[in-house]
Amino acid sequence: MSGDSDCTRTSPSAGSPSDNEFLPDRPKYVCSLSPDLITKAREELQEKPEWRLRDVQALRDMVCKDYPSLGTCLDDAFLLRFLRARKFDYDRALRLLVNYHTCRRSWPEVFDNLKPSAIKPVLESGFVTVLPRLDPEGRHIVCIRPDRWTPSNYPITENIRAIYLTLEKLIQSEETQVNGIVILADYKGVSLSKASHFGPFVAKKVIGILQDGFPIRIKAVNIINEPRIFKGIFAIIKPFLKEKIANRFFLHGCDLNSLHQNIPPVILPEEYGGTSGKLDISAWNELLLASEEDFLHDFSQLVFPCDSSPHDMLVSGDAEEKQCDDSLRGMKPQLYYCY
């Protein structure tokens, strides 16, 4: 169902006796949060259960008024992801929703034909997986291992597709919407040649998606086994990270004791000094691949209107983007220096 028709139907003209016949039949939202998480959402996200549906309707009305051709899903559960990610600030949630669509439409190499079966080789390589146990704060641990990628097999955009689908799957859970996620990135064995694939264009796109284009709360990014080259990369990227996100990066080097201060050994695999057995990627791969039909259904509701350009809807500053472009151009020479 297109966003245009949704907006038309949710804004009937006053006084029409048959208006209700044209209202879309949306899935009824049923909260799945536990009492403790409802309290946490109230305290941390400013989410008030008694006002929740009113807030969702307010965001829906803003979309229909300001971006009638956005082509977005307008279901309660979908819009709630964006409200929670921006602590129920209507304006910020709207910007996030618009940027979510803009990012998807402006990078076809990543988002065309995006489905689990299309990134099966990446999943089988073990490049990205989700640990089976939650941390003490109820957060999933997303484990990324760049050393598992062989550039001659497929381009770096395939890895980004796999990460994006992983995040899409995780954010379906209301618990994750409230608790957020933790990233564990193991840079063991990452060479200069492999790092060079993460150039200015890719860096800018990925940062834009994670910070301003996806409704997920990244609570910590733990980097381990990083070579000297990573510190050079991070020094260049850091100015474009929001201060809150930059402060959530932890570089542990080879010090597993340092890692264990952030992620308890009981939920970590043996490879990272944990006690939960060998790292097993099969369970997550099976779960993601089994979600193929769900993704196809969900993504089918995100319709790209043919009469609008994705760049027309991007909510960002041109000057800021130019500064980012100019600064990132100096990345490669500095990488060689750091290496």
C-alpha atoms as a PDB file:
ATOM      1  CA  MET A   1       0.000   0.000   0.000  1.00  0.00           C
ATOM      2  CA  SER A   2       1.554   3.329  -0.972  1.00  0.00           C
ATOM      3  CA  GLY A   3       2.139   6.145   1.476  1.00  0.00           C
ATOM      4  CA  ASP A   4       0.159   8.487  -0.752  1.00  0.00           C
ATOM      5  CA  SER A   5      -2.995   6.398  -0.548  1.00  0.00           C
ATOM      6  CA  ASP A   6      -2.529   5.857   3.180  1.00  0.00           C
ATOM      7  CA  CYS A   7      -2.307   9.585   3.808  1.00  0.00           C
ATOM      8  CA  THR A   8      -5.314  10.265   1.627  1.00  0.00           C
ATOM      9  CA  ARG A   9      -7.379   7.770   3.537  1.00  0.00           C
ATOM     10  CA  THR A  10      -6.348   8.895   6.983  1.00  0.00           C
ATOM     11  CA  SER A  11      -7.288  12.502   6.233  1.00  0.00           C
ATOM     12  CA  PRO A  12     -10.938  12.338   5.184  1.00  0.00           C
ATOM     13  CA  SER A  13     -12.857  15.488   4.442  1.00  0.00           C
ATOM     14  CA  ALA A  14     -15.038  16.678   7.235  1.00  0.00           C
ATOM     15  CA  GLY A  15     -18.689  15.821   7.147  1.00  0.00           C
ATOM     16  CA  SER A  16     -18.553  12.935   4.707  1.00  0.00           C
ATOM     17  CA  PRO A  17     -20.878  10.191   6.004  1.00  0.00           C
ATOM     18  CA  SER A  18     -18.964   7.431   4.256  1.00  0.00           C
ATOM     19  CA  ASP A  19     -15.474   8.429   5.374  1.00  0.00           C
ATOM     20  CA  ASN A  20     -15.046   5.409   7.603  1.00  0.00           C
ATOM     21  CA  GLU A  21     -15.460   3.119   4.645  1.00  0.00           C
ATOM     22  CA  PHE A  22     -12.186   4.428   3.217  1.00  0.00           C
ATOM     23  CA  LEU A  23     -10.054   4.222   6.341  1.00  0.00           C
ATOM     24  CA  PRO A  24      -7.263   1.622   5.974  1.00  0.00           C
ATOM     25  CA  ASP A  25      -7.580  -1.504   8.035  1.00  0.00           C
ATOM     26  CA  ARG A  26      -4.376  -1.234  10.065  1.00  0.00           C
ATOM     27  CA  PRO A  27      -3.107  -3.944  12.401  1.00  0.00           C
ATOM     28  CA  LYS A  28      -4.170  -3.171  15.950  1.00  0.00           C
ATOM     29  CA  TYR A  29      -1.159  -2.419  18.137  1.00  0.00           C
ATOM     30  CA  VAL A  30      -0.772  -4.587  21.233  1.00  0.00           C
ATOM     31  CA  CYS A  31       2.081  -3.719  23.577  1.00  0.00           C
ATOM     32  CA  SER A  32       4.403  -6.667  24.303  1.00  0.00           C
ATOM     33  CA  LEU A  33       6.616  -4.890  26.837  1.00  0.00           C
ATOM     34  CA  SER A  34       6.928  -6.237  30.364  1.00  0.00           C
ATOM     35  CA  PRO A  35       5.960  -3.957  33.278  1.00  0.00           C
ATOM     36  CA  ASP A  36       9.651  -3.297  33.950  1.00  0.00           C
ATOM     37  CA  LEU A  37      10.287  -2.275  30.343  1.00  0.00           C
ATOM     38  CA  ILE A  38       7.189  -0.080  30.311  1.00  0.00           C
ATOM     39  CA  THR A  39       8.681   1.719  33.301  1.00  0.00           C
ATOM     40  CA  LYS A  40      12.087   1.921  31.595  1.00  0.00           C
ATOM     41  CA  ALA A  41      10.502   3.313  28.428  1.00  0.00           C
ATOM     42  CA  ARG A  42       8.673   5.922  30.482  1.00  0.00           C
ATOM     43  CA  GLU A  43      11.850   7.003  32.311  1.00  0.00           C
ATOM     44  CA  GLU A  44      14.353   6.852  29.432  1.00  0.00           C
ATOM     45  CA  LEU A  45      12.246   7.447  26.317  1.00  0.00           C
ATOM     46  CA  GLN A  46       9.471   9.677  27.647  1.00  0.00           C
ATOM     47  CA  GLU A  47       6.956   7.039  26.509  1.00  0.00           C
ATOM     48  CA  LYS A  48       3.639   7.273  28.315  1.00  0.00           C
ATOM     49  CA  PRO A  49       1.386   4.249  27.681  1.00  0.00           C
ATOM     50  CA  GLU A  50      -1.721   6.359  28.088  1.00  0.00           C
ATOM     51  CA  TRP A  51      -0.537   8.741  25.338  1.00  0.00           C
ATOM     52  CA  ARG A  52       1.233   6.214  23.103  1.00  0.00           C
ATOM     53  CA  LEU A  53      -1.398   5.922  20.370  1.00  0.00           C
ATOM     54  CA  ARG A  54      -2.028   9.657  20.435  1.00  0.00           C
ATOM     55  CA  ASP A  55       1.686  10.206  19.801  1.00  0.00           C
ATOM     56  CA  VAL A  56       1.679   7.693  16.951  1.00  0.00           C
ATOM     57  CA  GLN A  57      -1.283   9.444  15.350  1.00  0.00           C
ATOM     58  CA  ALA A  58       0.466  12.798  15.695  1.00  0.00           C
ATOM     59  CA  LEU A  59       3.491  11.457  13.803  1.00  0.00           C
ATOM     60  CA  ARG A  60       1.231   9.882  11.188  1.00  0.00           C
ATOM     61  CA  ASP A  61      -0.538  13.210  10.666  1.00  0.00           C
ATOM     62  CA  MET A  62       2.812  14.990  10.253  1.00  0.00           C
ATOM     63  CA  VAL A  63       3.900  12.491   7.596  1.00  0.00           C
ATOM     64  CA  CYS A  64       0.642  12.913   5.684  1.00  0.00           C
ATOM     65  CA  LYS A  65       0.820  16.697   5.883  1.00  0.00           C
ATOM     66  CA  ASP A  66       4.519  17.300   5.185  1.00  0.00           C
ATOM     67  CA  TYR A  67       5.529  14.211   3.151  1.00  0.00           C
ATOM     68  CA  PRO A  68       2.375  12.830   1.502  1.00  0.00           C
ATOM     69  CA  SER A  69       4.453  11.021  -1.157  1.00  0.00           C
ATOM     70  CA  LEU A  70       6.951   9.463   1.227  1.00  0.00           C
ATOM     71  CA  GLY A  71       5.618   5.980   0.514  1.00  0.00           C
ATOM     72  CA  THR A  72       6.041   4.718   4.062  1.00  0.00           C
ATOM     73  CA  CYS A  73       4.250   2.183   6.193  1.00  0.00           C
ATOM     74  CA  LEU A  74       2.012   4.027   8.659  1.00  0.00           C
ATOM     75  CA  ASP A  75       1.132   1.175  11.014  1.00  0.00           C
ATOM     76  CA  ASP A  76       1.290   1.954  14.730  1.00  0.00           C
ATOM     77  CA  ALA A  77       4.051  -0.567  15.455  1.00  0.00           C
ATOM     78  CA  PHE A  78       6.239   0.719  12.621  1.00  0.00           C
ATOM     79  CA  LEU A  79       5.944   4.394  13.579  1.00  0.00           C
ATOM     80  CA  LEU A  80       6.596   3.561  17.225  1.00  0.00           C
ATOM     81  CA  ARG A  81      10.136   2.482  16.310  1.00  0.00           C
ATOM     82  CA  PHE A  82      10.933   6.027  15.223  1.00  0.00           C
ATOM     83  CA  LEU A  83       9.265   7.691  18.189  1.00  0.00           C
ATOM     84  CA  ARG A  84      11.169   5.497  20.628  1.00  0.00           C
ATOM     85  CA  ALA A  85      14.461   6.065  18.841  1.00  0.00           C
ATOM     86  CA  ARG A  86      13.986   9.826  19.277  1.00  0.00           C
ATOM     87  CA  LYS A  87      12.409   9.803  22.734  1.00  0.00           C
ATOM     88  CA  PHE A  88       8.964  10.744  21.442  1.00  0.00           C
ATOM     89  CA  ASP A  89      10.114  14.051  19.996  1.00  0.00           C
ATOM     90  CA  TYR A  90       7.749  14.358  17.031  1.00  0.00           C
ATOM     91  CA  ASP A  91      10.007  16.531  14.868  1.00  0.00           C
ATOM     92  CA  ARG A  92      13.097  14.390  15.402  1.00  0.00           C
ATOM     93  CA  ALA A  93      11.126  11.203  14.818  1.00  0.00           C
ATOM     94  CA  LEU A  94       9.815  12.606  11.544  1.00  0.00           C
ATOM     95  CA  ARG A  95      13.328  13.538  10.409  1.00  0.00           C
ATOM     96  CA  LEU A  96      14.522  10.040  11.256  1.00  0.00           C
ATOM     97  CA  LEU A  97      11.668   8.455   9.296  1.00  0.00           C
ATOM     98  CA  VAL A  98      12.343  10.619   6.241  1.00  0.00           C
ATOM     99  CA  ASN A  99      16.068   9.902   6.406  1.00  0.00           C
ATOM    100  CA  TYR A 100      15.358   6.186   6.776  1.00  0.00           C
ATOM    101  CA  HIS A 101      13.638   6.240   3.398  1.00  0.00           C
ATOM    102  CA  THR A 102      16.155   8.587   1.806  1.00  0.00           C
ATOM    103  CA  CYS A 103      19.048   6.328   2.771  1.00  0.00           C
ATOM    104  CA  ARG A 104      17.290   3.319   1.289  1.00  0.00           C
ATOM    105  CA  ARG A 105      16.496   5.086  -1.980  1.00  0.00           C
ATOM    106  CA  SER A 106      19.857   6.757  -2.511  1.00  0.00           C
ATOM    107  CA  TRP A 107      22.061   3.649  -2.258  1.00  0.00           C
ATOM    108  CA  PRO A 108      20.691   1.024  -4.671  1.00  0.00           C
ATOM    109  CA  GLU A 109      23.799  -1.171  -4.413  1.00  0.00           C
ATOM    110  CA  VAL A 110      22.788  -1.898  -0.824  1.00  0.00           C
ATOM    111  CA  PHE A 111      19.011  -1.723  -0.872  1.00  0.00           C
ATOM    112  CA  ASP A 112      17.948  -3.207  -4.195  1.00  0.00           C
ATOM    113  CA  ASN A 113      16.767  -6.818  -3.852  1.00  0.00           C
ATOM    114  CA  LEU A 114      17.429  -6.664  -0.123  1.00  0.00           C
ATOM    115  CA  LYS A 115      16.428  -9.979   1.417  1.00  0.00           C
ATOM    116  CA  PRO A 116      18.142 -12.645   3.549  1.00  0.00           C
ATOM    117  CA  SER A 117      18.616 -15.171   0.746  1.00  0.00           C
ATOM    118  CA  ALA A 118      20.503 -12.551  -1.280  1.00  0.00           C
ATOM    119  CA  ILE A 119      23.181 -12.196   1.419  1.00  0.00           C
ATOM    120  CA  LYS A 120      23.470 -15.875   2.323  1.00  0.00           C
ATOM    121  CA  PRO A 121      27.223 -16.040   1.450  1.00  0.00           C
ATOM    122  CA  VAL A 122      27.899 -13.216   3.921  1.00  0.00           C
ATOM    123  CA  LEU A 123      25.936 -14.980   6.647  1.00  0.00           C
ATOM    124  CA  GLU A 124      27.737 -18.258   5.998  1.00  0.00           C
ATOM    125  CA  SER A 125      31.102 -16.516   6.231  1.00  0.00           C
ATOM    126  CA  GLY A 126      30.356 -15.425   9.790  1.00  0.00           C
ATOM    127  CA  PHE A 127      31.007 -11.757   9.017  1.00  0.00           C
ATOM    128  CA  VAL A 128      28.030 -10.721  11.158  1.00  0.00           C
ATOM    129  CA  THR A 129      26.001 -12.627  13.713  1.00  0.00           C
ATOM    130  CA  VAL A 130      24.089 -12.051  16.939  1.00  0.00           C
ATOM    131  CA  LEU A 131      25.171 -13.745  20.148  1.00  0.00           C
ATOM    132  CA  PRO A 132      22.486 -16.017  21.618  1.00  0.00           C
ATOM    133  CA  ARG A 133      22.402 -14.433  25.076  1.00  0.00           C
ATOM    134  CA  LEU A 134      21.394 -10.914  26.088  1.00  0.00           C
ATOM    135  CA  ASP A 135      23.625  -8.731  28.239  1.00  0.00           C
ATOM    136  CA  PRO A 136      22.554  -7.732  31.793  1.00  0.00           C
ATOM    137  CA  GLU A 137      20.693  -4.724  30.348  1.00  0.00           C
ATOM    138  CA  GLY A 138      18.621  -6.926  28.063  1.00  0.00           C
ATOM    139  CA  ARG A 139      20.525  -5.912  24.922  1.00  0.00           C
ATOM    140  CA  HIS A 140      21.478  -8.098  21.963  1.00  0.00           C
ATOM    141  CA  ILE A 141      25.176  -8.273  21.074  1.00  0.00           C
ATOM    142  CA  VAL A 142      25.845  -7.874  17.342  1.00  0.00           C
ATOM    143  CA  CYS A 143      29.208  -9.463  16.530  1.00  0.00           C
ATOM    144  CA  ILE A 144      31.041  -8.225  13.419  1.00  0.00           C
ATOM    145  CA  ARG A 145      34.233  -9.919  12.184  1.00  0.00           C
ATOM    146  CA  PRO A 146      35.738  -8.184   9.131  1.00  0.00           C
ATOM    147  CA  ASP A 147      38.492 -10.810   8.878  1.00  0.00           C
ATOM    148  CA  ARG A 148      35.841 -13.284   7.688  1.00  0.00           C
ATOM    149  CA  TRP A 149      35.352 -11.256   4.497  1.00  0.00           C
ATOM    150  CA  THR A 150      37.315 -12.049   1.349  1.00  0.00           C
ATOM    151  CA  PRO A 151      37.070  -8.990  -0.946  1.00  0.00           C
ATOM    152  CA  SER A 152      37.527 -11.074  -4.085  1.00  0.00           C
ATOM    153  CA  ASN A 153      34.324 -12.989  -3.289  1.00  0.00           C
ATOM    154  CA  TYR A 154      31.914 -10.028  -3.160  1.00  0.00           C
ATOM    155  CA  PRO A 155      32.009  -6.231  -2.647  1.00  0.00           C
ATOM    156  CA  ILE A 156      31.891  -4.521   0.739  1.00  0.00           C
ATOM    157  CA  THR A 157      28.292  -3.452   0.079  1.00  0.00           C
ATOM    158  CA  GLU A 158      27.223  -7.078   0.624  1.00  0.00           C
ATOM    159  CA  ASN A 159      28.545  -6.859   4.179  1.00  0.00           C
ATOM    160  CA  ILE A 160      26.585  -3.661   4.732  1.00  0.00           C
ATOM    161  CA  ARG A 161      23.442  -5.364   3.419  1.00  0.00           C
ATOM    162  CA  ALA A 162      23.916  -8.185   5.925  1.00  0.00           C
ATOM    163  CA  ILE A 163      24.396  -5.766   8.811  1.00  0.00           C
ATOM    164  CA  TYR A 164      21.340  -3.759   7.761  1.00  0.00           C
ATOM    165  CA  LEU A 165      19.103  -6.827   7.589  1.00  0.00           C
ATOM    166  CA  THR A 166      20.399  -7.915  10.984  1.00  0.00           C
ATOM    167  CA  LEU A 167      19.390  -4.563  12.447  1.00  0.00           C
ATOM    168  CA  GLU A 168      16.004  -4.707  10.705  1.00  0.00           C
ATOM    169  CA  LYS A 169      15.354  -8.096  12.267  1.00  0.00           C
ATOM    170  CA  LEU A 170      16.424  -6.982  15.739  1.00  0.00           C
ATOM    171  CA  ILE A 171      14.361  -3.786  15.693  1.00  0.00           C
ATOM    172  CA  GLN A 172      11.174  -5.767  15.146  1.00  0.00           C
ATOM    173  CA  SER A 173      11.353  -6.557  18.869  1.00  0.00           C
ATOM    174  CA  GLU A 174       9.871  -3.944  21.178  1.00  0.00           C
ATOM    175  CA  GLU A 175      12.390  -5.008  23.810  1.00  0.00           C
ATOM    176  CA  THR A 176      15.230  -4.024  21.465  1.00  0.00           C
ATOM    177  CA  GLN A 177      13.506  -0.733  20.643  1.00  0.00           C
ATOM    178  CA  VAL A 178      13.649   0.140  24.334  1.00  0.00           C
ATOM    179  CA  ASN A 179      16.929  -1.491  25.402  1.00  0.00           C
ATOM    180  CA  GLY A 180      19.010  -0.857  22.296  1.00  0.00           C
ATOM    181  CA  ILE A 181      21.894  -3.016  21.101  1.00  0.00           C
ATOM    182  CA  VAL A 182      25.624  -3.439  21.703  1.00  0.00           C
ATOM    183  CA  ILE A 183      28.140  -3.965  18.894  1.00  0.00           C
ATOM    184  CA  LEU A 184      31.226  -6.147  19.267  1.00  0.00           C
ATOM    185  CA  ALA A 185      33.647  -5.702  16.357  1.00  0.00           C
ATOM    186  CA  ASP A 186      36.716  -7.925  16.089  1.00  0.00           C
ATOM    187  CA  TYR A 187      39.307  -6.364  13.776  1.00  0.00           C
ATOM    188  CA  LYS A 188      41.836  -9.142  14.070  1.00  0.00           C
ATOM    189  CA  GLY A 189      43.716  -9.624  10.806  1.00  0.00           C
ATOM    190  CA  VAL A 190      42.336  -6.538   9.039  1.00  0.00           C
ATOM    191  CA  SER A 191      45.014  -5.344   6.604  1.00  0.00           C
ATOM    192  CA  LEU A 192      45.505  -2.016   4.882  1.00  0.00           C
ATOM    193  CA  SER A 193      44.233  -3.430   1.598  1.00  0.00           C
ATOM    194  CA  LYS A 194      41.036  -4.629   3.209  1.00  0.00           C
ATOM    195  CA  ALA A 195      40.534  -1.393   5.139  1.00  0.00           C
ATOM    196  CA  SER A 196      40.926   0.623   1.940  1.00  0.00           C
ATOM    197  CA  HIS A 197      37.557  -0.739   0.751  1.00  0.00           C
ATOM    198  CA  PHE A 198      35.963   1.347   3.513  1.00  0.00           C
ATOM    199  CA  GLY A 199      36.566   4.581   1.591  1.00  0.00           C
ATOM    200  CA  PRO A 200      35.046   8.058   2.009  1.00  0.00           C
ATOM    201  CA  PHE A 201      31.808   7.277   0.156  1.00  0.00           C
ATOM    202  CA  VAL A 202      31.100   4.104   2.138  1.00  0.00           C
ATOM    203  CA  ALA A 203      32.135   5.701   5.441  1.00  0.00           C
ATOM    204  CA  LYS A 204      29.834   8.654   4.924  1.00  0.00           C
ATOM    205  CA  LYS A 205      26.901   6.448   3.951  1.00  0.00           C
ATOM    206  CA  VAL A 206      27.297   4.033   6.863  1.00  0.00           C
ATOM    207  CA  ILE A 207      27.690   6.817   9.414  1.00  0.00           C
ATOM    208  CA  GLY A 208      24.616   8.548   8.005  1.00  0.00           C
ATOM    209  CA  ILE A 209      22.509   5.401   8.281  1.00  0.00           C
ATOM    210  CA  LEU A 210      23.565   4.441  11.796  1.00  0.00           C
ATOM    211  CA  GLN A 211      23.277   7.945  13.232  1.00  0.00           C
ATOM    212  CA  ASP A 212      20.396   9.537  11.394  1.00  0.00           C
ATOM    213  CA  GLY A 213      18.759   6.936   9.169  1.00  0.00           C
ATOM    214  CA  PHE A 214      17.788   3.929  11.264  1.00  0.00           C
ATOM    215  CA  PRO A 215      15.535   3.656  14.344  1.00  0.00           C
ATOM    216  CA  ILE A 216      17.846   1.757  16.667  1.00  0.00           C
ATOM    217  CA  ARG A 217      19.646   2.763  19.844  1.00  0.00           C
ATOM    218  CA  ILE A 218      23.331   1.805  19.719  1.00  0.00           C
ATOM    219  CA  LYS A 219      24.362   1.786  23.370  1.00  0.00           C
ATOM    220  CA  ALA A 220      27.992   0.698  22.994  1.00  0.00           C
ATOM    221  CA  VAL A 221      30.523  -0.223  20.300  1.00  0.00           C
ATOM    222  CA  ASN A 222      33.295  -2.474  21.595  1.00  0.00           C
ATOM    223  CA  ILE A 223      36.330  -2.794  19.307  1.00  0.00           C
ATOM    224  CA  ILE A 224      38.849  -5.562  19.962  1.00  0.00           C
ATOM    225  CA  ASN A 225      42.041  -6.694  18.287  1.00  0.00           C
ATOM    226  CA  GLU A 226      42.183  -3.466  16.332  1.00  0.00           C
ATOM    227  CA  PRO A 227      45.448  -2.893  14.409  1.00  0.00           C
ATOM    228  CA  ARG A 228      47.203   0.469  14.384  1.00  0.00           C
ATOM    229  CA  ILE A 229      45.375   1.328  11.194  1.00  0.00           C
ATOM    230  CA  PHE A 230      42.021   1.330  12.971  1.00  0.00           C
ATOM    231  CA  LYS A 231      43.069   4.124  15.279  1.00  0.00           C
ATOM    232  CA  GLY A 232      43.823   6.180  12.179  1.00  0.00           C
ATOM    233  CA  ILE A 233      40.414   5.369  10.716  1.00  0.00           C
ATOM    234  CA  PHE A 234      38.634   6.215  13.951  1.00  0.00           C
ATOM    235  CA  ALA A 235      40.498   9.509  14.335  1.00  0.00           C
ATOM    236  CA  ILE A 236      39.227  10.552  10.912  1.00  0.00           C
ATOM    237  CA  ILE A 237      35.652   9.337  11.399  1.00  0.00           C
ATOM    238  CA  LYS A 238      35.214  10.599  14.953  1.00  0.00           C
ATOM    239  CA  PRO A 239      34.580  14.274  14.032  1.00  0.00           C
ATOM    240  CA  PHE A 240      31.501  13.173  12.074  1.00  0.00           C
ATOM    241  CA  LEU A 241      30.106  11.114  14.912  1.00  0.00           C
ATOM    242  CA  LYS A 242      27.745  12.782  17.298  1.00  0.00           C
ATOM    243  CA  GLU A 243      29.413  13.246  20.664  1.00  0.00           C
ATOM    244  CA  LYS A 244      27.032  10.831  22.342  1.00  0.00           C
ATOM    245  CA  ILE A 245      27.850   8.076  19.852  1.00  0.00           C
ATOM    246  CA  ALA A 246      31.595   8.801  19.834  1.00  0.00           C
ATOM    247  CA  ASN A 247      31.667   8.444  23.609  1.00  0.00           C
ATOM    248  CA  ARG A 248      30.168   4.963  23.291  1.00  0.00           C
ATOM    249  CA  PHE A 249      33.165   3.595  21.382  1.00  0.00           C
ATOM    250  CA  PHE A 250      35.543   1.482  23.457  1.00  0.00           C
ATOM    251  CA  LEU A 251      38.877   0.367  21.989  1.00  0.00           C
ATOM    252  CA  HIS A 252      40.114  -2.657  23.939  1.00  0.00           C
ATOM    253  CA  GLY A 253      43.021  -3.805  21.789  1.00  0.00           C
ATOM    254  CA  CYS A 254      43.933  -7.370  22.770  1.00  0.00           C
ATOM    255  CA  ASP A 255      42.904  -6.845  26.400  1.00  0.00           C
ATOM    256  CA  LEU A 256      40.037  -9.257  27.013  1.00  0.00           C
ATOM    257  CA  ASN A 257      39.823  -8.157  30.645  1.00  0.00           C
ATOM    258  CA  SER A 258      38.982  -4.681  29.383  1.00  0.00           C
ATOM    259  CA  LEU A 259      36.294  -6.145  27.124  1.00  0.00           C
ATOM    260  CA  HIS A 260      34.849  -8.127  30.040  1.00  0.00           C
ATOM    261  CA  GLN A 261      34.264  -4.914  31.947  1.00  0.00           C
ATOM    262  CA  ASN A 262      31.722  -3.991  29.287  1.00  0.00           C
ATOM    263  CA  ILE A 263      30.417  -7.424  28.282  1.00  0.00           C
ATOM    264  CA  PRO A 264      30.339 -10.164  30.945  1.00  0.00           C
ATOM    265  CA  PRO A 265      32.252 -13.376  30.062  1.00  0.00           C
ATOM    266  CA  VAL A 266      29.125 -15.446  30.774  1.00  0.00           C
ATOM    267  CA  ILE A 267      27.500 -14.244  27.528  1.00  0.00           C
ATOM    268  CA  LEU A 268      30.657 -14.245  25.406  1.00  0.00           C
ATOM    269  CA  PRO A 269      31.952 -17.200  23.361  1.00  0.00           C
ATOM    270  CA  GLU A 270      35.272 -18.862  24.103  1.00  0.00           C
ATOM    271  CA  GLU A 271      36.953 -16.906  21.305  1.00  0.00           C
ATOM    272  CA  TYR A 272      36.614 -13.762  23.432  1.00  0.00           C
ATOM    273  CA  GLY A 273      37.449 -15.269  26.800  1.00  0.00           C
ATOM    274  CA  GLY A 274      33.836 -16.137  27.542  1.00  0.00           C
ATOM    275  CA  THR A 275      32.163 -19.186  29.048  1.00  0.00           C
ATOM    276  CA  SER A 276      29.223 -19.722  26.666  1.00  0.00           C
ATOM    277  CA  GLY A 277      30.976 -22.198  24.374  1.00  0.00           C
ATOM    278  CA  LYS A 278      32.257 -21.804  20.836  1.00  0.00           C
ATOM    279  CA  LEU A 279      30.861 -19.009  18.695  1.00  0.00           C
ATOM    280  CA  ASP A 280      27.936 -20.502  16.777  1.00  0.00           C
ATOM    281  CA  ILE A 281      26.570 -18.560  13.811  1.00  0.00           C
ATOM    282  CA  SER A 282      24.051 -21.164  12.673  1.00  0.00           C
ATOM    283  CA  ALA A 283      21.163 -20.185  14.960  1.00  0.00           C
ATOM    284  CA  TRP A 284      21.127 -16.545  13.867  1.00  0.00           C
ATOM    285  CA  ASN A 285      21.568 -17.455  10.207  1.00  0.00           C
ATOM    286  CA  GLU A 286      18.606 -19.833  10.366  1.00  0.00           C
ATOM    287  CA  LEU A 287      16.454 -17.209  12.089  1.00  0.00           C
ATOM    288  CA  LEU A 288      17.285 -14.517   9.539  1.00  0.00           C
ATOM    289  CA  LEU A 289      16.848 -16.777   6.515  1.00  0.00           C
ATOM    290  CA  ALA A 290      13.521 -18.008   7.895  1.00  0.00           C
ATOM    291  CA  SER A 291      12.313 -14.371   7.939  1.00  0.00           C
ATOM    292  CA  GLU A 292      12.449 -13.990   4.159  1.00  0.00           C
ATOM    293  CA  GLU A 293       8.682 -13.681   3.664  1.00  0.00           C
ATOM    294  CA  ASP A 294       8.361 -11.226   6.544  1.00  0.00           C
ATOM    295  CA  PHE A 295      10.983  -8.963   4.993  1.00  0.00           C
ATOM    296  CA  LEU A 296       9.391  -9.171   1.564  1.00  0.00           C
ATOM    297  CA  HIS A 297       6.043  -8.165   3.059  1.00  0.00           C
ATOM    298  CA  ASP A 298       7.465  -5.347   5.180  1.00  0.00           C
ATOM    299  CA  PHE A 299       9.628  -3.884   2.424  1.00  0.00           C
ATOM    300  CA  SER A 300       6.771  -4.078  -0.074  1.00  0.00           C
ATOM    301  CA  GLN A 301       5.031  -1.367   1.975  1.00  0.00           C
ATOM    302  CA  LEU A 302       7.940   1.021   1.419  1.00  0.00           C
ATOM    303  CA  VAL A 303       6.979   2.354  -1.999  1.00  0.00           C
ATOM    304  CA  PHE A 304       9.292   4.745  -3.870  1.00  0.00           C
ATOM    305  CA  PRO A 305       7.032   7.307  -5.581  1.00  0.00           C
ATOM    306  CA  CYS A 306       8.122   7.814  -9.193  1.00  0.00           C
ATOM    307  CA  ASP A 307       7.487  11.559  -9.059  1.00  0.00           C
ATOM    308  CA  SER A 308       9.935  12.339  -6.256  1.00  0.00           C
ATOM    309  CA  SER A 309      13.668  12.162  -5.838  1.00  0.00           C
ATOM    310  CA  PRO A 310      15.199  10.736  -2.659  1.00  0.00           C
ATOM    311  CA  HIS A 311      17.417  13.780  -2.396  1.00  0.00           C
ATOM    312  CA  ASP A 312      14.341  16.007  -2.295  1.00  0.00           C
ATOM    313  CA  MET A 313      13.376  14.473   1.025  1.00  0.00           C
ATOM    314  CA  LEU A 314      16.730  14.237   2.801  1.00  0.00           C
ATOM    315  CA  VAL A 315      16.694  16.216   6.039  1.00  0.00           C
ATOM    316  CA  SER A 316      20.276  17.419   6.404  1.00  0.00           C
ATOM    317  CA  GLY A 317      22.481  20.439   5.891  1.00  0.00           C
ATOM    318  CA  ASP A 318      24.327  20.915   2.586  1.00  0.00           C
ATOM    319  CA  ALA A 319      27.200  22.714   4.301  1.00  0.00           C
ATOM    320  CA  GLU A 320      27.631  19.902   6.790  1.00  0.00           C
ATOM    321  CA  GLU A 321      27.677  17.307   4.015  1.00  0.00           C
ATOM    322  CA  LYS A 322      30.273  19.299   2.063  1.00  0.00           C
ATOM    323  CA  GLN A 323      32.462  19.505   5.148  1.00  0.00           C
ATOM    324  CA  CYS A 324      32.145  15.764   5.606  1.00  0.00           C
ATOM    325  CA  ASP A 325      33.066  15.152   1.952  1.00  0.00           C
ATOM    326  CA  ASP A 326      36.082  17.465   2.056  1.00  0.00           C
ATOM    327  CA  SER A 327      37.420  16.007   5.290  1.00  0.00           C
ATOM    328  CA  LEU A 328      36.968  12.390   4.263  1.00  0.00           C
ATOM    329  CA  ARG A 329      38.933  12.956   1.066  1.00  0.00           C
ATOM    330  CA  GLY A 330      42.061  12.996   3.179  1.00  0.00           C
ATOM    331  CA  MET A 331      41.357   9.578   4.659  1.00  0.00           C
ATOM    332  CA  LYS A 332      43.434   7.343   2.374  1.00  0.00           C
ATOM    333  CA  PRO A 333      46.754   9.258   2.687  1.00  0.00           C
ATOM    334  CA  GLN A 334      46.392   9.240   6.471  1.00  0.00           C
ATOM    335  CA  LEU A 335      45.623   5.524   6.475  1.00  0.00           C
ATOM    336  CA  TYR A 336      48.887   4.798   4.725  1.00  0.00           C
ATOM    337  CA  TYR A 337      50.682   7.023   7.229  1.00  0.00           C
ATOM    338  CA  CYS A 338      49.090   5.240  10.205  1.00  0.00           C
ATOM    339  CA  TYR A 339      49.810   1.826   8.742  1.00  0.00           C
END
